[in-house]
Amino acid sequence: MSLRISRQHWQGLLAALDEARRQRHLLTYRSLIERLQLPAPAMATLAAALEHLAALDARAGLPLRSALVISQGASRLPRPGFFECAERLGRFSGPPDGMAAAAWHAAEVARVFAFEFSEASS
């Protein structure tokens, strides 16, 4: 995915994820789009930015901050694209739904909550 995100929106995304990590809560895609006021195509832009961040985190050996963003639906999991991205990065293996995905996601969220990200990882 090759959509671009402005520096202001990127910094806003990093700040929102850091705040969520510190407060130990998850964000929905919709709330993040509204908070950042992303222009159309907002979901595609957010997804591309979250995948880029996941790649940066994986390359640095860090927990995936993008795990903090979930769907509003009953599953309370990220969209399937998150798990497909994590699989491409060698972090997850399996179907993007079901018990294995939920267990891996819960463990990754716990890793993010426990990790102190530095300015250098932004």
Protein backbone atom coordinates (compact mmCIF):
# COMPACT_ATOMS: atom_id res chain seq x y z
CA MET A 1 0.00 0.00 0.00
CA SER A 2 1.55 3.28 -1.01
CA LEU A 3 -0.59 6.12 0.30
CA ARG A 4 1.06 9.10 1.91
CA ILE A 5 0.34 10.63 5.28
CA SER A 6 1.30 14.17 6.22
CA ARG A 7 3.97 14.77 8.85
CA GLN A 8 1.31 16.37 11.07
CA HIS A 9 -0.96 13.31 10.80
CA TRP A 10 2.01 10.95 11.34
CA GLN A 11 3.07 12.79 14.49
CA GLY A 12 -0.57 12.80 15.65
CA LEU A 13 -0.78 9.05 15.08
CA LEU A 14 2.38 8.41 17.10
CA ALA A 15 1.14 10.68 19.90
CA ALA A 16 -2.27 8.98 20.00
CA LEU A 17 -0.68 5.54 20.16
CA ASP A 18 1.73 6.65 22.87
CA GLU A 19 -1.11 8.09 24.93
CA ALA A 20 -3.13 4.89 24.51
CA ARG A 21 -0.09 2.83 25.55
CA ARG A 22 0.49 4.94 28.66
CA GLN A 23 -3.20 4.79 29.61
CA ARG A 24 -3.34 1.09 28.72
CA HIS A 25 -6.31 1.31 26.40
CA LEU A 26 -7.06 0.46 22.79
CA LEU A 27 -8.24 2.77 20.02
CA THR A 28 -10.72 2.01 17.27
CA TYR A 29 -9.90 2.76 13.66
CA ARG A 30 -12.89 5.12 13.55
CA SER A 31 -11.89 7.07 16.67
CA LEU A 32 -8.35 7.45 15.36
CA ILE A 33 -9.55 8.67 11.97
CA GLU A 34 -11.78 11.22 13.69
CA ARG A 35 -9.11 12.29 16.17
CA LEU A 36 -6.51 12.79 13.43
CA GLN A 37 -9.06 14.27 11.01
CA LEU A 38 -7.61 12.23 8.19
CA PRO A 39 -8.80 13.23 4.72
CA ALA A 40 -10.35 10.70 2.33
CA PRO A 41 -9.46 7.94 1.73
CA ALA A 42 -9.05 7.98 5.51
CA MET A 43 -9.20 4.23 6.24
CA ALA A 44 -6.74 3.40 3.46
CA THR A 45 -4.38 6.13 4.66
CA LEU A 46 -4.60 4.94 8.27
CA ALA A 47 -4.09 1.31 7.27
CA ALA A 48 -1.00 2.22 5.20
CA ALA A 49 0.42 4.30 8.06
CA LEU A 50 -0.18 1.51 10.59
CA GLU A 51 1.48 -1.02 8.28
CA HIS A 52 4.46 1.30 7.83
CA LEU A 53 4.73 1.72 11.61
CA ALA A 54 4.50 -2.05 12.09
CA ALA A 55 7.37 -2.51 9.62
CA LEU A 56 9.47 0.09 11.45
CA ASP A 57 8.74 -1.53 14.82
CA ALA A 58 9.48 -5.03 13.53
CA ARG A 59 12.74 -3.92 11.91
CA ALA A 60 13.81 -2.41 15.26
CA GLY A 61 12.76 -5.54 17.20
CA LEU A 62 10.01 -3.63 19.03
CA PRO A 63 6.44 -4.64 19.88
CA LEU A 64 3.97 -3.60 17.18
CA ARG A 65 2.30 -0.37 18.31
CA SER A 66 -0.30 -0.80 15.57
CA ALA A 67 -1.75 -3.64 17.70
CA LEU A 68 -3.40 -0.92 19.80
CA VAL A 69 -5.85 -0.15 16.98
CA ILE A 70 -8.91 -2.39 16.79
CA SER A 71 -12.25 -2.69 15.04
CA GLN A 72 -15.44 -1.50 16.67
CA GLY A 73 -17.04 -4.88 16.05
CA ALA A 74 -17.70 -7.61 18.55
CA SER A 75 -14.30 -9.25 18.00
CA ARG A 76 -12.42 -6.22 19.41
CA LEU A 77 -9.50 -7.30 17.21
CA PRO A 78 -7.66 -5.41 14.49
CA ARG A 79 -8.83 -5.87 10.93
CA PRO A 80 -7.53 -8.91 9.02
CA GLY A 81 -4.98 -6.69 7.22
CA PHE A 82 -3.15 -6.16 10.52
CA PHE A 83 -2.65 -9.90 10.94
CA GLU A 84 -1.63 -10.28 7.28
CA CYS A 85 0.95 -7.52 7.79
CA ALA A 86 2.20 -9.15 11.01
CA GLU A 87 2.54 -12.41 9.13
CA ARG A 88 4.56 -10.74 6.33
CA LEU A 89 6.81 -9.31 9.05
CA GLY A 90 7.33 -12.77 10.58
CA ARG A 91 5.51 -11.91 13.79
CA PHE A 92 2.31 -13.96 13.42
CA SER A 93 1.27 -17.13 11.64
CA GLY A 94 -2.26 -18.32 11.13
CA PRO A 95 -5.74 -17.18 10.17
CA PRO A 96 -6.59 -13.54 10.96
CA ASP A 97 -9.54 -14.52 13.12
CA GLY A 98 -10.25 -17.07 15.81
CA MET A 99 -8.59 -18.01 19.05
CA ALA A 100 -4.98 -18.04 17.81
CA ALA A 101 -5.27 -14.50 16.42
CA ALA A 102 -7.00 -13.26 19.58
CA ALA A 103 -4.37 -14.84 21.85
CA TRP A 104 -1.46 -13.49 19.79
CA HIS A 105 -3.04 -10.04 19.67
CA ALA A 106 -3.59 -9.99 23.45
CA ALA A 107 0.05 -10.95 24.00
CA GLU A 108 1.26 -8.28 21.56
CA VAL A 109 -0.88 -5.61 23.26
CA ALA A 110 0.61 -6.64 26.61
CA ARG A 111 4.11 -6.29 25.11
CA VAL A 112 3.27 -2.79 23.81
CA PHE A 113 1.84 -1.73 27.18
CA ALA A 114 4.99 -2.97 28.96
CA PHE A 115 7.47 -1.35 26.57
CA GLU A 116 8.87 2.18 26.90
CA PHE A 117 9.19 3.53 23.37
CA SER A 118 11.80 6.22 22.92
CA GLU A 119 11.73 9.23 20.62
CA ALA A 120 14.18 7.35 18.42
CA SER A 121 11.54 4.70 17.70
CA SER A 122 9.10 7.29 16.31
